């Protein structure tokens, strides 16, 4: 099954949380921070304005992005967790 977002929505998959700190300390599951960097899996067609024009998306599939911490809707498809968010909830593209 695939997910095709509508309008200005984006499907993202969160990256894994760090297992160790920079100093080498191994973190337990509860001590890990929730990751905020995600990879874009699917992109909608763009936002439709009031006059019917479509504003194209500024992100594309494969981009690594930084998203708002509690934005979007979490869904699970074929055992994989995704988050569907609006393009407005994307804070930056990570290069």
PDB file of N, CA and C in Angstrom:
ATOM      1  N   UNK A   1       0.847  -1.167   0.000  1.00  0.00           N
ATOM      2  CA  UNK A   1       0.000   0.000   0.000  1.00  0.00           C
ATOM      3  C   UNK A   1       0.901   1.242   0.000  1.00  0.00           C
ATOM      4  N   UNK A   2       0.502   2.256  -0.746  1.00  0.00           N
ATOM      5  CA  UNK A   2       1.249   3.505  -0.760  1.00  0.00           C
ATOM      6  C   UNK A   2       0.353   4.643  -0.288  1.00  0.00           C
ATOM      7  N   UNK A   3       0.976   5.701   0.175  1.00  0.00           N
ATOM      8  CA  UNK A   3       0.245   6.877   0.653  1.00  0.00           C
ATOM      9  C   UNK A   3       0.506   8.011  -0.331  1.00  0.00           C
ATOM     10  N   UNK A   4      -0.565   8.622  -0.833  1.00  0.00           N
ATOM     11  CA  UNK A   4      -0.429   9.767  -1.729  1.00  0.00           C
ATOM     12  C   UNK A   4      -1.089  10.967  -1.043  1.00  0.00           C
ATOM     13  N   UNK A   5      -0.289  11.909  -0.554  1.00  0.00           N
ATOM     14  CA  UNK A   5      -0.860  13.057   0.156  1.00  0.00           C
ATOM     15  C   UNK A   5      -1.590  14.003  -0.801  1.00  0.00           C
ATOM     16  N   UNK A   6      -2.569  14.690  -0.274  1.00  0.00           N
ATOM     17  CA  UNK A   6      -3.343  15.640  -1.055  1.00  0.00           C
ATOM     18  C   UNK A   6      -2.892  17.066  -0.777  1.00  0.00           C
ATOM     19  N   UNK A   7      -3.105  17.928  -1.752  1.00  0.00           N
ATOM     20  CA  UNK A   7      -2.840  19.365  -1.648  1.00  0.00           C
ATOM     21  C   UNK A   7      -1.431  19.661  -1.134  1.00  0.00           C
ATOM     22  N   UNK A   8      -1.324  20.410  -0.023  1.00  0.00           N
ATOM     23  CA  UNK A   8      -0.018  20.840   0.478  1.00  0.00           C
ATOM     24  C   UNK A   8       0.490  19.951   1.612  1.00  0.00           C
ATOM     25  N   UNK A   9       0.087  18.695   1.598  1.00  0.00           N
ATOM     26  CA  UNK A   9       0.535  17.770   2.643  1.00  0.00           C
ATOM     27  C   UNK A   9       1.745  16.969   2.174  1.00  0.00           C
ATOM     28  N   UNK A  10       2.531  16.510   3.162  1.00  0.00           N
ATOM     29  CA  UNK A  10       3.762  15.786   2.914  1.00  0.00           C
ATOM     30  C   UNK A  10       3.789  14.578   3.832  1.00  0.00           C
ATOM     31  N   UNK A  11       4.224  13.425   3.318  1.00  0.00           N
ATOM     32  CA  UNK A  11       4.402  12.229   4.145  1.00  0.00           C
ATOM     33  C   UNK A  11       5.883  12.123   4.473  1.00  0.00           C
ATOM     34  N   UNK A  12       6.189  12.046   5.780  1.00  0.00           N
ATOM     35  CA  UNK A  12       7.581  11.959   6.211  1.00  0.00           C
ATOM     36  C   UNK A  12       7.792  10.720   7.058  1.00  0.00           C
ATOM     37  N   UNK A  13       9.040  10.255   7.071  1.00  0.00           N
ATOM     38  CA  UNK A  13       9.429   9.129   7.927  1.00  0.00           C
ATOM     39  C   UNK A  13      10.546   9.647   8.810  1.00  0.00           C
ATOM     40  N   UNK A  14      10.342   9.563  10.111  1.00  0.00           N
ATOM     41  CA  UNK A  14      11.323  10.076  11.064  1.00  0.00           C
ATOM     42  C   UNK A  14      12.597   9.244  11.026  1.00  0.00           C
ATOM     43  N   UNK A  15      13.736   9.909  11.238  1.00  0.00           N
ATOM     44  CA  UNK A  15      15.010   9.212  11.326  1.00  0.00           C
ATOM     45  C   UNK A  15      15.120   8.578  12.699  1.00  0.00           C
ATOM     46  N   UNK A  16      16.015   7.643  12.846  1.00  0.00           N
ATOM     47  CA  UNK A  16      16.210   6.976  14.132  1.00  0.00           C
ATOM     48  C   UNK A  16      16.891   7.917  15.118  1.00  0.00           C
ATOM     49  N   UNK A  17      16.528   7.803  16.380  1.00  0.00           N
ATOM     50  CA  UNK A  17      17.151   8.607  17.438  1.00  0.00           C
ATOM     51  C   UNK A  17      18.573   8.114  17.672  1.00  0.00           C
ATOM     52  N   UNK A  18      19.404   8.997  18.135  1.00  0.00           N
ATOM     53  CA  UNK A  18      20.796   8.649  18.412  1.00  0.00           C
ATOM     54  C   UNK A  18      20.880   7.599  19.520  1.00  0.00           C
ATOM     55  N   UNK A  19      21.710   6.592  19.314  1.00  0.00           N
ATOM     56  CA  UNK A  19      21.913   5.537  20.306  1.00  0.00           C
ATOM     57  C   UNK A  19      22.945   5.945  21.354  1.00  0.00           C
ATOM     58  N   UNK A  20      23.909   6.785  20.943  1.00  0.00           N
ATOM     59  CA  UNK A  20      24.961   7.207  21.863  1.00  0.00           C
ATOM     60  C   UNK A  20      25.132   8.717  21.802  1.00  0.00           C
ATOM     61  N   UNK A  21      25.668   9.284  22.863  1.00  0.00           N
ATOM     62  CA  UNK A  21      25.950  10.715  22.871  1.00  0.00           C
ATOM     63  C   UNK A  21      27.282  10.956  22.170  1.00  0.00           C
ATOM     64  N   UNK A  22      27.617  12.222  21.954  1.00  0.00           N
ATOM     65  CA  UNK A  22      28.880  12.557  21.305  1.00  0.00           C
ATOM     66  C   UNK A  22      30.075  12.090  22.121  1.00  0.00           C
ATOM     67  N   UNK A  23      29.892  11.998  23.419  1.00  0.00           N
ATOM     68  CA  UNK A  23      30.995  11.545  24.282  1.00  0.00           C
ATOM     69  C   UNK A  23      31.064  10.022  24.394  1.00  0.00           C
ATOM     70  N   UNK A  24      30.130   9.304  23.761  1.00  0.00           N
ATOM     71  CA  UNK A  24      30.191   7.845  23.740  1.00  0.00           C
ATOM     72  C   UNK A  24      29.296   7.135  24.727  1.00  0.00           C
ATOM     73  N   UNK A  25      28.475   7.863  25.470  1.00  0.00           N
ATOM     74  CA  UNK A  25      27.585   7.236  26.454  1.00  0.00           C
ATOM     75  C   UNK A  25      26.392   6.635  25.716  1.00  0.00           C
ATOM     76  N   UNK A  26      26.094   5.359  25.984  1.00  0.00           N
ATOM     77  CA  UNK A  26      24.968   4.680  25.345  1.00  0.00           C
ATOM     78  C   UNK A  26      23.690   5.046  26.081  1.00  0.00           C
ATOM     79  N   UNK A  27      22.670   5.472  25.321  1.00  0.00           N
ATOM     80  CA  UNK A  27      21.410   5.915  25.912  1.00  0.00           C
ATOM     81  C   UNK A  27      20.388   4.785  25.966  1.00  0.00           C
ATOM     82  N   UNK A  28      19.593   4.774  27.028  1.00  0.00           N
ATOM     83  CA  UNK A  28      18.493   3.817  27.119  1.00  0.00           C
ATOM     84  C   UNK A  28      17.338   4.340  26.273  1.00  0.00           C
ATOM     85  N   UNK A  29      16.352   3.501  26.051  1.00  0.00           N
ATOM     86  CA  UNK A  29      15.217   3.887  25.213  1.00  0.00           C
ATOM     87  C   UNK A  29      14.483   5.119  25.705  1.00  0.00           C
ATOM     88  N   UNK A  30      14.317   5.251  27.012  1.00  0.00           N
ATOM     89  CA  UNK A  30      13.579   6.394  27.553  1.00  0.00           C
ATOM     90  C   UNK A  30      14.398   7.679  27.563  1.00  0.00           C
ATOM     91  N   UNK A  31      15.717   7.578  27.478  1.00  0.00           N
ATOM     92  CA  UNK A  31      16.579   8.761  27.536  1.00  0.00           C
ATOM     93  C   UNK A  31      16.798   9.394  26.166  1.00  0.00           C
ATOM     94  N   UNK A  32      16.416   8.680  25.109  1.00  0.00           N
ATOM     95  CA  UNK A  32      16.623   9.207  23.761  1.00  0.00           C
ATOM     96  C   UNK A  32      15.657  10.341  23.487  1.00  0.00           C
ATOM     97  N   UNK A  33      16.148  11.360  22.810  1.00  0.00           N
ATOM     98  CA  UNK A  33      15.272  12.455  22.424  1.00  0.00           C
ATOM     99  C   UNK A  33      14.471  12.055  21.198  1.00  0.00           C
ATOM    100  N   UNK A  34      13.260  12.587  21.101  1.00  0.00           N
ATOM    101  CA  UNK A  34      12.451  12.334  19.924  1.00  0.00           C
ATOM    102  C   UNK A  34      13.114  13.023  18.728  1.00  0.00           C
ATOM    103  N   UNK A  35      13.368  12.292  17.642  1.00  0.00           N
ATOM    104  CA  UNK A  35      14.021  12.921  16.506  1.00  0.00           C
ATOM    105  C   UNK A  35      13.109  13.936  15.831  1.00  0.00           C
ATOM    106  N   UNK A  36      13.697  14.971  15.285  1.00  0.00           N
ATOM    107  CA  UNK A  36      12.921  15.968  14.562  1.00  0.00           C
ATOM    108  C   UNK A  36      13.293  16.002  13.091  1.00  0.00           C
ATOM    109  N   UNK A  37      14.364  15.289  12.726  1.00  0.00           N
ATOM    110  CA  UNK A  37      14.766  15.248  11.326  1.00  0.00           C
ATOM    111  C   UNK A  37      14.095  14.052  10.673  1.00  0.00           C
ATOM    112  N   UNK A  38      13.507  14.293   9.511  1.00  0.00           N
ATOM    113  CA  UNK A  38      12.776  13.246   8.804  1.00  0.00           C
ATOM    114  C   UNK A  38      13.105  13.289   7.319  1.00  0.00           C
ATOM    115  N   UNK A  39      12.801  12.181   6.648  1.00  0.00           N
ATOM    116  CA  UNK A  39      12.970  12.124   5.204  1.00  0.00           C
ATOM    117  C   UNK A  39      11.590  12.160   4.554  1.00  0.00           C
ATOM    118  N   UNK A  40      11.463  12.953   3.493  1.00  0.00           N
ATOM    119  CA  UNK A  40      10.185  13.051   2.793  1.00  0.00           C
ATOM    120  C   UNK A  40      10.002  11.825   1.915  1.00  0.00           C
ATOM    121  N   UNK A  41       8.845  11.167   2.080  1.00  0.00           N
ATOM    122  CA  UNK A  41       8.526   9.946   1.353  1.00  0.00           C
ATOM    123  C   UNK A  41       7.583  10.237   0.186  1.00  0.00           C
ATOM    124  N   UNK A  42       6.660  11.170   0.374  1.00  0.00           N
ATOM    125  CA  UNK A  42       5.703  11.529  -0.671  1.00  0.00           C
ATOM    126  C   UNK A  42       5.286  12.985  -0.497  1.00  0.00           C
ATOM    127  N   UNK A  43       4.941  13.628  -1.621  1.00  0.00           N
ATOM    128  CA  UNK A  43       4.585  15.050  -1.615  1.00  0.00           C
ATOM    129  C   UNK A  43       3.288  15.240  -2.387  1.00  0.00           C
ATOM    130  N   UNK A  44       2.406  16.107  -1.877  1.00  0.00           N
ATOM    131  CA  UNK A  44       1.171  16.436  -2.568  1.00  0.00           C
ATOM    132  C   UNK A  44       1.427  17.341  -3.766  1.00  0.00           C
ATOM    133  N   UNK A  45       0.357  17.726  -4.445  1.00  0.00           N
ATOM    134  CA  UNK A  45       0.476  18.530  -5.667  1.00  0.00           C
ATOM    135  C   UNK A  45       0.736  19.998  -5.394  1.00  0.00           C
ATOM    136  N   UNK A  46       0.345  20.480  -4.228  1.00  0.00           N
ATOM    137  CA  UNK A  46       0.544  21.878  -3.884  1.00  0.00           C
ATOM    138  C   UNK A  46      -0.739  22.499  -3.350  1.00  0.00           C
ATOM    139  N   UNK A  47      -0.583  23.671  -2.752  1.00  0.00           N
ATOM    140  CA  UNK A  47      -1.722  24.356  -2.147  1.00  0.00           C
ATOM    141  C   UNK A  47      -2.551  25.048  -3.219  1.00  0.00           C
ATOM    142  N   UNK A  48      -3.860  24.909  -3.118  1.00  0.00           N
ATOM    143  CA  UNK A  48      -4.776  25.570  -4.049  1.00  0.00           C
ATOM    144  C   UNK A  48      -5.252  26.868  -3.407  1.00  0.00           C
ATOM    145  N   UNK A  49      -5.037  27.987  -4.097  1.00  0.00           N
ATOM    146  CA  UNK A  49      -5.432  29.288  -3.578  1.00  0.00           C
ATOM    147  C   UNK A  49      -6.928  29.519  -3.803  1.00  0.00           C
ATOM    148  N   UNK A  50      -7.439  30.612  -3.252  1.00  0.00           N
ATOM    149  CA  UNK A  50      -8.859  30.920  -3.375  1.00  0.00           C
ATOM    150  C   UNK A  50      -9.285  31.149  -4.817  1.00  0.00           C
ATOM    151  N   UNK A  51      -8.370  31.623  -5.654  1.00  0.00           N
ATOM    152  CA  UNK A  51      -8.725  31.853  -7.064  1.00  0.00           C
ATOM    153  C   UNK A  51      -8.486  30.620  -7.942  1.00  0.00           C
ATOM    154  N   UNK A  52      -8.187  29.463  -7.330  1.00  0.00           N
ATOM    155  CA  UNK A  52      -8.076  28.210  -8.056  1.00  0.00           C
ATOM    156  C   UNK A  52      -6.697  27.874  -8.589  1.00  0.00           C
ATOM    157  N   UNK A  53      -5.716  28.702  -8.340  1.00  0.00           N
ATOM    158  CA  UNK A  53      -4.361  28.422  -8.812  1.00  0.00           C
ATOM    159  C   UNK A  53      -3.652  27.502  -7.820  1.00  0.00           C
ATOM    160  N   UNK A  54      -2.778  26.653  -8.341  1.00  0.00           N
ATOM    161  CA  UNK A  54      -2.015  25.741  -7.488  1.00  0.00           C
ATOM    162  C   UNK A  54      -0.617  26.294  -7.275  1.00  0.00           C
ATOM    163  N   UNK A  55      -0.263  26.462  -6.013  1.00  0.00           N
ATOM    164  CA  UNK A  55       1.086  26.909  -5.647  1.00  0.00           C
ATOM    165  C   UNK A  55       1.940  25.652  -5.506  1.00  0.00           C
ATOM    166  N   UNK A  56       3.002  25.501  -6.315  1.00  0.00           N
ATOM    167  CA  UNK A  56       3.795  24.273  -6.259  1.00  0.00           C
ATOM    168  C   UNK A  56       4.518  24.099  -4.925  1.00  0.00           C
ATOM    169  N   UNK A  57       4.836  22.852  -4.609  1.00  0.00           N
ATOM    170  CA  UNK A  57       5.540  22.523  -3.371  1.00  0.00           C
ATOM    171  C   UNK A  57       7.001  22.938  -3.490  1.00  0.00           C
ATOM    172  N   UNK A  58       7.592  23.335  -2.370  1.00  0.00           N
ATOM    173  CA  UNK A  58       8.996  23.740  -2.366  1.00  0.00           C
ATOM    174  C   UNK A  58       9.920  22.622  -1.902  1.00  0.00           C
ATOM    175  N   UNK A  59       9.357  21.505  -1.455  1.00  0.00           N
ATOM    176  CA  UNK A  59      10.152  20.345  -1.037  1.00  0.00           C
ATOM    177  C   UNK A  59       9.873  19.194  -1.993  1.00  0.00           C
ATOM    178  N   UNK A  60      10.773  18.216  -1.996  1.00  0.00           N
ATOM    179  CA  UNK A  60      10.599  17.072  -2.897  1.00  0.00           C
ATOM    180  C   UNK A  60      10.916  15.773  -2.159  1.00  0.00           C
ATOM    181  N   UNK A  61      10.532  14.664  -2.751  1.00  0.00           N
ATOM    182  CA  UNK A  61      10.796  13.345  -2.174  1.00  0.00           C
ATOM    183  C   UNK A  61      12.303  13.164  -2.024  1.00  0.00           C
ATOM    184  N   UNK A  62      12.712  12.670  -0.867  1.00  0.00           N
ATOM    185  CA  UNK A  62      14.124  12.438  -0.601  1.00  0.00           C
ATOM    186  C   UNK A  62      14.782  13.528   0.223  1.00  0.00           C
ATOM    187  N   UNK A  63      14.152  14.717   0.309  1.00  0.00           N
ATOM    188  CA  UNK A  63      14.707  15.803   1.124  1.00  0.00           C
ATOM    189  C   UNK A  63      14.702  15.406   2.591  1.00  0.00           C
ATOM    190  N   UNK A  64      15.724  15.811   3.317  1.00  0.00           N
ATOM    191  CA  UNK A  64      15.763  15.665   4.772  1.00  0.00           C
ATOM    192  C   UNK A  64      15.275  16.990   5.336  1.00  0.00           C
ATOM    193  N   UNK A  65      14.294  16.931   6.218  1.00  0.00           N
ATOM    194  CA  UNK A  65      13.684  18.152   6.732  1.00  0.00           C
ATOM    195  C   UNK A  65      13.609  18.154   8.251  1.00  0.00           C
ATOM    196  N   UNK A  66      13.489  19.327   8.801  1.00  0.00           N
ATOM    197  CA  UNK A  66      13.296  19.542  10.223  1.00  0.00           C
ATOM    198  C   UNK A  66      11.847  19.986  10.385  1.00  0.00           C
ATOM    199  N   UNK A  67      11.077  19.239  11.180  1.00  0.00           N
ATOM    200  CA  UNK A  67       9.657  19.544  11.315  1.00  0.00           C
ATOM    201  C   UNK A  67       9.318  19.996  12.726  1.00  0.00           C
ATOM    202  N   UNK A  68       8.151  20.599  12.878  1.00  0.00           N
ATOM    203  CA  UNK A  68       7.664  20.972  14.202  1.00  0.00           C
ATOM    204  C   UNK A  68       7.523  19.702  15.032  1.00  0.00           C
ATOM    205  N   UNK A  69       7.801  19.796  16.323  1.00  0.00           N
ATOM    206  CA  UNK A  69       7.877  18.621  17.185  1.00  0.00           C
ATOM    207  C   UNK A  69       6.574  17.825  17.268  1.00  0.00           C
ATOM    208  N   UNK A  70       5.455  18.494  17.401  1.00  0.00           N
ATOM    209  CA  UNK A  70       4.188  17.779  17.591  1.00  0.00           C
ATOM    210  C   UNK A  70       3.214  17.977  16.436  1.00  0.00           C
ATOM    211  N   UNK A  71       3.727  18.268  15.262  1.00  0.00           N
ATOM    212  CA  UNK A  71       2.876  18.520  14.102  1.00  0.00           C
ATOM    213  C   UNK A  71       2.468  17.212  13.431  1.00  0.00           C
ATOM    214  N   UNK A  72       1.366  17.251  12.739  1.00  0.00           N
ATOM    215  CA  UNK A  72       0.965  16.151  11.879  1.00  0.00           C
ATOM    216  C   UNK A  72       0.173  15.051  12.541  1.00  0.00           C
ATOM    217  N   UNK A  73      -0.129  14.059  11.699  1.00  0.00           N
ATOM    218  CA  UNK A  73      -0.894  12.892  12.113  1.00  0.00           C
ATOM    219  C   UNK A  73      -0.052  11.656  11.872  1.00  0.00           C
ATOM    220  N   UNK A  74       0.124  10.850  12.912  1.00  0.00           N
ATOM    221  CA  UNK A  74       0.913   9.635  12.781  1.00  0.00           C
ATOM    222  C   UNK A  74       0.040   8.521  12.217  1.00  0.00           C
ATOM    223  N   UNK A  75       0.579   7.799  11.222  1.00  0.00           N
ATOM    224  CA  UNK A  75      -0.111   6.655  10.628  1.00  0.00           C
ATOM    225  C   UNK A  75       0.876   5.500  10.509  1.00  0.00           C
ATOM    226  N   UNK A  76       0.348   4.290  10.512  1.00  0.00           N
ATOM    227  CA  UNK A  76       1.181   3.104  10.359  1.00  0.00           C
ATOM    228  C   UNK A  76       0.683   2.337   9.144  1.00  0.00           C
ATOM    229  N   UNK A  77       1.579   2.126   8.171  1.00  0.00           N
ATOM    230  CA  UNK A  77       1.226   1.418   6.947  1.00  0.00           C
ATOM    231  C   UNK A  77       2.230   0.291   6.751  1.00  0.00           C
ATOM    232  N   UNK A  78       1.735  -0.927   6.633  1.00  0.00           N
ATOM    233  CA  UNK A  78       2.590  -2.108   6.456  1.00  0.00           C
ATOM    234  C   UNK A  78       3.678  -2.188   7.521  1.00  0.00           C
ATOM    235  N   UNK A  79       3.350  -1.814   8.755  1.00  0.00           N
ATOM    236  CA  UNK A  79       4.284  -1.907   9.863  1.00  0.00           C
ATOM    237  C   UNK A  79       5.288  -0.772   9.963  1.00  0.00           C
ATOM    238  N   UNK A  80       5.203   0.211   9.073  1.00  0.00           N
ATOM    239  CA  UNK A  80       6.123   1.346   9.082  1.00  0.00           C
ATOM    240  C   UNK A  80       5.354   2.587   9.519  1.00  0.00           C
ATOM    241  N   UNK A  81       5.959   3.364  10.444  1.00  0.00           N
ATOM    242  CA  UNK A  81       5.303   4.572  10.943  1.00  0.00           C
ATOM    243  C   UNK A  81       5.672   5.793  10.101  1.00  0.00           C
ATOM    244  N   UNK A  82       4.651   6.530   9.690  1.00  0.00           N
ATOM    245  CA  UNK A  82       4.821   7.754   8.918  1.00  0.00           C
ATOM    246  C   UNK A  82       4.077   8.876   9.626  1.00  0.00           C
ATOM    247  N   UNK A  83       4.391  10.107   9.255  1.00  0.00           N
ATOM    248  CA  UNK A  83       3.657  11.260   9.747  1.00  0.00           C
ATOM    249  C   UNK A  83       3.236  12.080   8.536  1.00  0.00           C
ATOM    250  N   UNK A  84       1.970  12.465   8.508  1.00  0.00           N
ATOM    251  CA  UNK A  84       1.459  13.315   7.439  1.00  0.00           C
ATOM    252  C   UNK A  84       1.346  14.724   8.002  1.00  0.00           C
ATOM    253  N   UNK A  85       2.072  15.665   7.385  1.00  0.00           N
ATOM    254  CA  UNK A  85       2.085  17.050   7.856  1.00  0.00           C
ATOM    255  C   UNK A  85       1.828  17.996   6.693  1.00  0.00           C
ATOM    256  N   UNK A  86       1.485  19.222   7.018  1.00  0.00           N
ATOM    257  CA  UNK A  86       1.367  20.259   5.999  1.00  0.00           C
ATOM    258  C   UNK A  86       2.755  20.827   5.723  1.00  0.00           C
ATOM    259  N   UNK A  87       2.941  21.337   4.529  1.00  0.00           N
ATOM    260  CA  UNK A  87       4.229  21.929   4.184  1.00  0.00           C
ATOM    261  C   UNK A  87       4.572  23.063   5.141  1.00  0.00           C
ATOM    262  N   UNK A  88       3.579  23.764   5.662  1.00  0.00           N
ATOM    263  CA  UNK A  88       3.801  24.867   6.602  1.00  0.00           C
ATOM    264  C   UNK A  88       4.453  24.391   7.905  1.00  0.00           C
ATOM    265  N   UNK A  89       4.317  23.099   8.250  1.00  0.00           N
ATOM    266  CA  UNK A  89       4.903  22.557   9.472  1.00  0.00           C
ATOM    267  C   UNK A  89       6.370  22.169   9.296  1.00  0.00           C
ATOM    268  N   UNK A  90       6.889  22.288   8.074  1.00  0.00           N
ATOM    269  CA  UNK A  90       8.299  22.010   7.831  1.00  0.00           C
ATOM    270  C   UNK A  90       9.062  23.293   8.110  1.00  0.00           C
ATOM    271  N   UNK A  91      10.026  23.205   9.029  1.00  0.00           N
ATOM    272  CA  UNK A  91      10.769  24.382   9.454  1.00  0.00           C
ATOM    273  C   UNK A  91      11.970  24.671   8.561  1.00  0.00           C
ATOM    274  N   UNK A  92      12.647  23.611   8.088  1.00  0.00           N
ATOM    275  CA  UNK A  92      13.861  23.810   7.280  1.00  0.00           C
ATOM    276  C   UNK A  92      14.200  22.528   6.541  1.00  0.00           C
ATOM    277  N   UNK A  93      14.984  22.690   5.472  1.00  0.00           N
ATOM    278  CA  UNK A  93      15.551  21.553   4.758  1.00  0.00           C
ATOM    279  C   UNK A  93      16.978  21.381   5.275  1.00  0.00           C
ATOM    280  N   UNK A  94      17.323  20.152   5.648  1.00  0.00           N
ATOM    281  CA  UNK A  94      18.667  19.872   6.191  1.00  0.00           C
ATOM    282  C   UNK A  94      19.566  19.452   5.036  1.00  0.00           C
ATOM    283  N   UNK A  95      20.689  20.141   4.878  1.00  0.00           N
ATOM    284  CA  UNK A  95      21.615  19.825   3.789  1.00  0.00           C
ATOM    285  C   UNK A  95      22.892  19.237   4.328  1.00  0.00           C
TER     286      UNK A  95
END
